[in-house]
Amino acid sequence: FGNGVTNTTANPMQFYSLPGSFTVSLKVINEGVCADSITKPNYINAVTSAPPSVVPILSVSVKDDRNIDILWQNSSATNLSRYELYRRDNSNAQFNLIYSDLNPKNSNWNVSSSYQDSTVSTDISFYSYKIQTVNMCNSKISLDSSTAHTSILLHATAQQDAVALSWNYYEGCDVGGYEIVRSDDGANFKSVLIVDALTNSIIDSTAFCP
């Protein structure tokens, strides 16, 4: 069985105590006269039933009024079954499953994976996400162990000769600051101001409000 164990019974069953790939061999003897054998290299792939480690979300980025991109770090586990992405319902604070990646890549293939959530209204609400890894035995660590990442909702209120801007803080990782960019023609954006991580409101006195 590739782990130092042999068996001479019909239809043997073998349990592996450690994960890994194992080479198995079958030898047939006919009344002690003739013999033949076959070997299958790495024929058995035993996986652990322990749940994969928690992987972090790397970013939650608002693309437009109806789309958010979620990027997460791939797991190094070799027995992945899927990634499950959850979004918080702001009405009851419960996280609900919105997407299952049934063809998961581990970190040996790609460093990260992503999903675009197109069932949002980012012009009226912010959204929080958590990611969960599940192995082939359907084992997973509690979702409570995953850190939620929250998108930013920007409010803009026209004032006399200015625009008042305010936003919620990004949640999920340390933020060095916020850059405010503005488009005067609906297409080309330019930087207006960079503020520190503790600031979540400004007055843009350079904006023209007819």
Protein backbone atom coordinates (compact mmCIF):
# COMPACT_ATOMS: atom_id res chain seq x y z
CA PHE A 1 0.00 0.00 0.00
CA GLY A 2 3.02 2.31 -0.12
CA ASN A 3 3.09 2.89 3.63
CA GLY A 4 4.83 -0.34 4.70
CA VAL A 5 1.56 -2.28 5.11
CA THR A 6 0.73 -5.45 3.16
CA ASN A 7 -2.45 -7.53 2.98
CA THR A 8 -3.19 -10.97 1.56
CA THR A 9 -6.98 -10.95 1.89
CA ALA A 10 -9.45 -10.49 -0.96
CA ASN A 11 -10.71 -6.92 -1.48
CA PRO A 12 -8.47 -5.38 1.20
CA MET A 13 -9.15 -2.00 2.77
CA GLN A 14 -6.43 0.32 3.96
CA PHE A 15 -6.65 3.47 6.07
CA TYR A 16 -3.87 6.05 5.81
CA SER A 17 -3.00 7.97 8.95
CA LEU A 18 -1.07 10.68 7.12
CA PRO A 19 -1.85 12.61 3.94
CA GLY A 20 0.26 12.12 0.82
CA SER A 21 0.65 10.17 -2.42
CA PHE A 22 1.28 6.44 -2.15
CA THR A 23 2.53 3.84 -4.64
CA VAL A 24 0.65 0.53 -4.47
CA SER A 25 1.61 -2.90 -5.78
CA LEU A 26 -0.34 -6.11 -6.47
CA LYS A 27 1.40 -9.48 -6.66
CA VAL A 28 -0.37 -12.64 -7.85
CA ILE A 29 0.99 -16.16 -7.16
CA ASN A 30 -0.57 -19.27 -8.66
CA GLU A 31 -0.16 -22.11 -6.15
CA GLY A 32 3.43 -21.07 -5.61
CA VAL A 33 4.36 -21.88 -9.21
CA CYS A 34 3.83 -18.71 -11.27
CA ALA A 35 3.87 -15.10 -10.15
CA ASP A 36 3.20 -11.67 -11.64
CA SER A 37 2.93 -8.18 -10.26
CA ILE A 38 1.91 -4.64 -11.17
CA THR A 39 2.85 -1.34 -9.55
CA LYS A 40 0.89 1.90 -9.72
CA PRO A 41 3.11 4.91 -8.81
CA ASN A 42 1.38 7.56 -6.69
CA TYR A 43 -1.91 5.74 -7.25
CA ILE A 44 -3.42 6.70 -3.89
CA ASN A 45 -3.80 10.36 -2.89
CA ALA A 46 -4.76 10.51 0.78
CA VAL A 47 -5.94 13.90 2.06
CA THR A 48 -6.40 15.22 5.57
CA SER A 49 -9.86 15.79 6.95
CA ALA A 50 -8.67 18.86 8.88
CA PRO A 51 -10.23 22.08 7.54
CA PRO A 52 -8.01 24.39 5.45
CA SER A 53 -6.59 27.49 7.10
CA VAL A 54 -8.51 30.76 6.84
CA VAL A 55 -7.47 32.83 3.83
CA PRO A 56 -7.66 36.64 3.82
CA ILE A 57 -9.60 38.88 1.52
CA LEU A 58 -7.08 41.21 -0.12
CA SER A 59 -9.43 43.93 -1.34
CA VAL A 60 -13.05 44.90 -1.93
CA SER A 61 -13.22 47.46 -4.75
CA VAL A 62 -16.27 49.34 -6.03
CA LYS A 63 -16.16 49.36 -9.84
CA ASP A 64 -19.38 51.26 -10.50
CA ASP A 65 -22.93 51.59 -9.16
CA ARG A 66 -23.71 47.90 -9.75
CA ASN A 67 -20.42 46.00 -9.39
CA ILE A 68 -17.89 45.21 -6.66
CA ASP A 69 -14.69 43.21 -7.22
CA ILE A 70 -13.59 40.92 -4.36
CA LEU A 71 -10.01 39.63 -4.41
CA TRP A 72 -8.76 36.98 -1.98
CA GLN A 73 -5.55 35.09 -1.32
CA ASN A 74 -5.58 31.46 -2.41
CA SER A 75 -5.07 28.66 0.09
CA SER A 76 -2.00 26.43 0.03
CA ALA A 77 -4.16 23.37 0.81
CA THR A 78 -4.05 20.58 -1.79
CA ASN A 79 -7.43 19.11 -0.90
CA LEU A 80 -9.60 22.13 -1.66
CA SER A 81 -13.20 21.54 -2.66
CA ARG A 82 -14.33 25.16 -3.00
CA TYR A 83 -14.16 28.74 -1.83
CA GLU A 84 -17.37 30.18 -0.39
CA LEU A 85 -17.99 33.92 -0.51
CA TYR A 86 -20.44 35.49 1.94
CA ARG A 87 -22.01 38.96 2.01
CA ARG A 88 -23.54 40.63 5.05
CA ASP A 89 -27.21 41.49 4.97
CA ASN A 90 -27.26 45.01 6.40
CA SER A 91 -30.83 44.52 7.64
CA ASN A 92 -29.93 41.75 10.10
CA ALA A 93 -26.08 41.60 10.14
CA GLN A 94 -26.13 37.99 8.95
CA PHE A 95 -23.64 36.76 6.37
CA ASN A 96 -25.27 34.88 3.47
CA LEU A 97 -23.59 32.71 0.84
CA ILE A 98 -23.56 34.48 -2.55
CA TYR A 99 -20.96 32.50 -4.52
CA SER A 100 -19.15 29.14 -4.52
CA ASP A 101 -15.97 28.70 -6.54
CA LEU A 102 -16.23 25.02 -7.44
CA ASN A 103 -12.96 25.03 -9.40
CA PRO A 104 -10.69 26.46 -6.73
CA LYS A 105 -7.01 27.17 -7.35
CA ASN A 106 -4.48 26.84 -4.57
CA SER A 107 -1.43 29.04 -4.19
CA ASN A 108 0.69 26.64 -6.25
CA TRP A 109 -1.37 27.66 -9.30
CA ASN A 110 -2.33 31.27 -8.64
CA VAL A 111 -1.61 33.65 -5.80
CA SER A 112 -5.18 34.96 -5.69
CA SER A 113 -8.73 34.51 -6.98
CA SER A 114 -11.51 37.01 -7.55
CA TYR A 115 -15.24 37.41 -8.07
CA GLN A 116 -17.39 40.30 -9.27
CA ASP A 117 -20.59 40.82 -7.31
CA SER A 118 -23.14 42.31 -9.70
CA THR A 119 -26.12 42.17 -7.35
CA VAL A 120 -25.32 45.36 -5.44
CA SER A 121 -26.30 49.02 -5.43
CA THR A 122 -23.12 50.78 -4.39
CA ASP A 123 -24.67 54.23 -4.86
CA ILE A 124 -26.96 53.69 -1.87
CA SER A 125 -25.19 51.16 0.39
CA PHE A 126 -21.85 49.69 1.45
CA TYR A 127 -21.23 45.91 1.54
CA SER A 128 -19.20 43.56 3.73
CA TYR A 129 -17.73 40.22 2.62
CA LYS A 130 -16.10 37.13 4.14
CA ILE A 131 -14.37 34.20 2.43
CA GLN A 132 -14.30 30.57 3.60
CA THR A 133 -12.26 27.58 2.39
CA VAL A 134 -13.78 24.09 2.30
CA ASN A 135 -11.93 20.80 1.75
CA MET A 136 -13.00 17.57 0.06
CA CYS A 137 -14.37 16.24 3.34
CA ASN A 138 -16.58 19.34 3.58
CA SER A 139 -14.60 20.54 6.59
CA LYS A 140 -14.26 24.28 7.16
CA ILE A 141 -13.29 26.68 9.92
CA SER A 142 -16.09 28.79 11.37
CA LEU A 143 -16.93 31.89 9.37
CA ASP A 144 -16.44 33.89 12.58
CA SER A 145 -12.68 33.38 12.12
CA SER A 146 -12.73 35.24 8.81
CA THR A 147 -12.17 39.01 8.76
CA ALA A 148 -14.86 41.00 6.96
CA HIS A 149 -13.89 43.58 4.35
CA THR A 150 -16.30 46.45 3.75
CA SER A 151 -16.66 48.62 0.65
CA ILE A 152 -16.80 52.43 0.78
CA LEU A 153 -19.96 54.44 0.20
CA LEU A 154 -19.26 58.05 -0.74
CA HIS A 155 -21.82 60.79 -0.08
CA ALA A 156 -21.62 64.08 -1.99
CA THR A 157 -23.76 67.10 -1.05
CA ALA A 158 -23.71 70.30 -3.08
CA GLN A 159 -23.16 73.48 -1.11
CA GLN A 160 -22.71 77.06 -2.21
CA ASP A 161 -19.46 77.09 -4.24
CA ALA A 162 -18.38 73.71 -2.80
CA VAL A 163 -19.22 70.02 -2.39
CA ALA A 164 -19.30 68.28 0.99
CA LEU A 165 -17.94 64.73 0.84
CA SER A 166 -18.21 62.01 3.49
CA TRP A 167 -17.65 58.26 3.52
CA ASN A 168 -17.50 55.23 5.80
CA TYR A 169 -14.09 53.88 6.76
CA TYR A 170 -12.79 50.88 4.82
CA GLU A 171 -12.86 47.85 7.13
CA GLY A 172 -10.79 44.68 6.98
CA CYS A 173 -7.18 45.89 6.87
CA ASP A 174 -5.04 48.85 7.82
CA VAL A 175 -5.48 51.82 5.50
CA GLY A 176 -2.74 54.39 5.00
CA GLY A 177 -5.09 57.10 3.75
CA TYR A 178 -7.77 58.03 1.23
CA GLU A 179 -7.33 59.72 -2.13
CA ILE A 180 -10.25 61.77 -3.44
CA VAL A 181 -10.46 61.94 -7.23
CA ARG A 182 -12.94 64.00 -9.24
CA SER A 183 -14.16 64.07 -12.82
CA ASP A 184 -15.35 67.38 -14.27
CA ASP A 185 -16.48 65.82 -17.56
CA GLY A 186 -17.77 62.42 -16.47
CA ALA A 187 -14.82 60.57 -17.99
CA ASN A 188 -11.43 61.86 -16.86
CA PHE A 189 -10.59 61.73 -13.16
CA LYS A 190 -7.91 63.74 -11.41
CA SER A 191 -6.67 63.73 -7.85
CA VAL A 192 -8.19 66.39 -5.62
CA LEU A 193 -6.77 65.58 -2.20
CA ILE A 194 -5.13 62.81 -0.13
CA VAL A 195 -6.18 62.57 3.50
CA ASP A 196 -5.05 60.40 6.40
CA ALA A 197 -6.74 57.19 7.54
CA LEU A 198 -8.64 58.93 10.34
CA THR A 199 -10.38 61.41 8.03
CA ASN A 200 -13.72 60.52 6.45
CA SER A 201 -15.09 63.87 5.33
CA ILE A 202 -13.88 66.96 3.45
CA ILE A 203 -15.21 70.10 1.77
CA ASP A 204 -14.14 70.32 -1.87
CA SER A 205 -14.06 74.07 -2.45
CA THR A 206 -12.50 73.66 -5.92
CA ALA A 207 -15.61 72.02 -7.37
CA PHE A 208 -17.91 74.11 -9.55
CA CYS A 209 -21.59 73.77 -8.66
CA PRO A 210 -23.85 75.82 -10.95
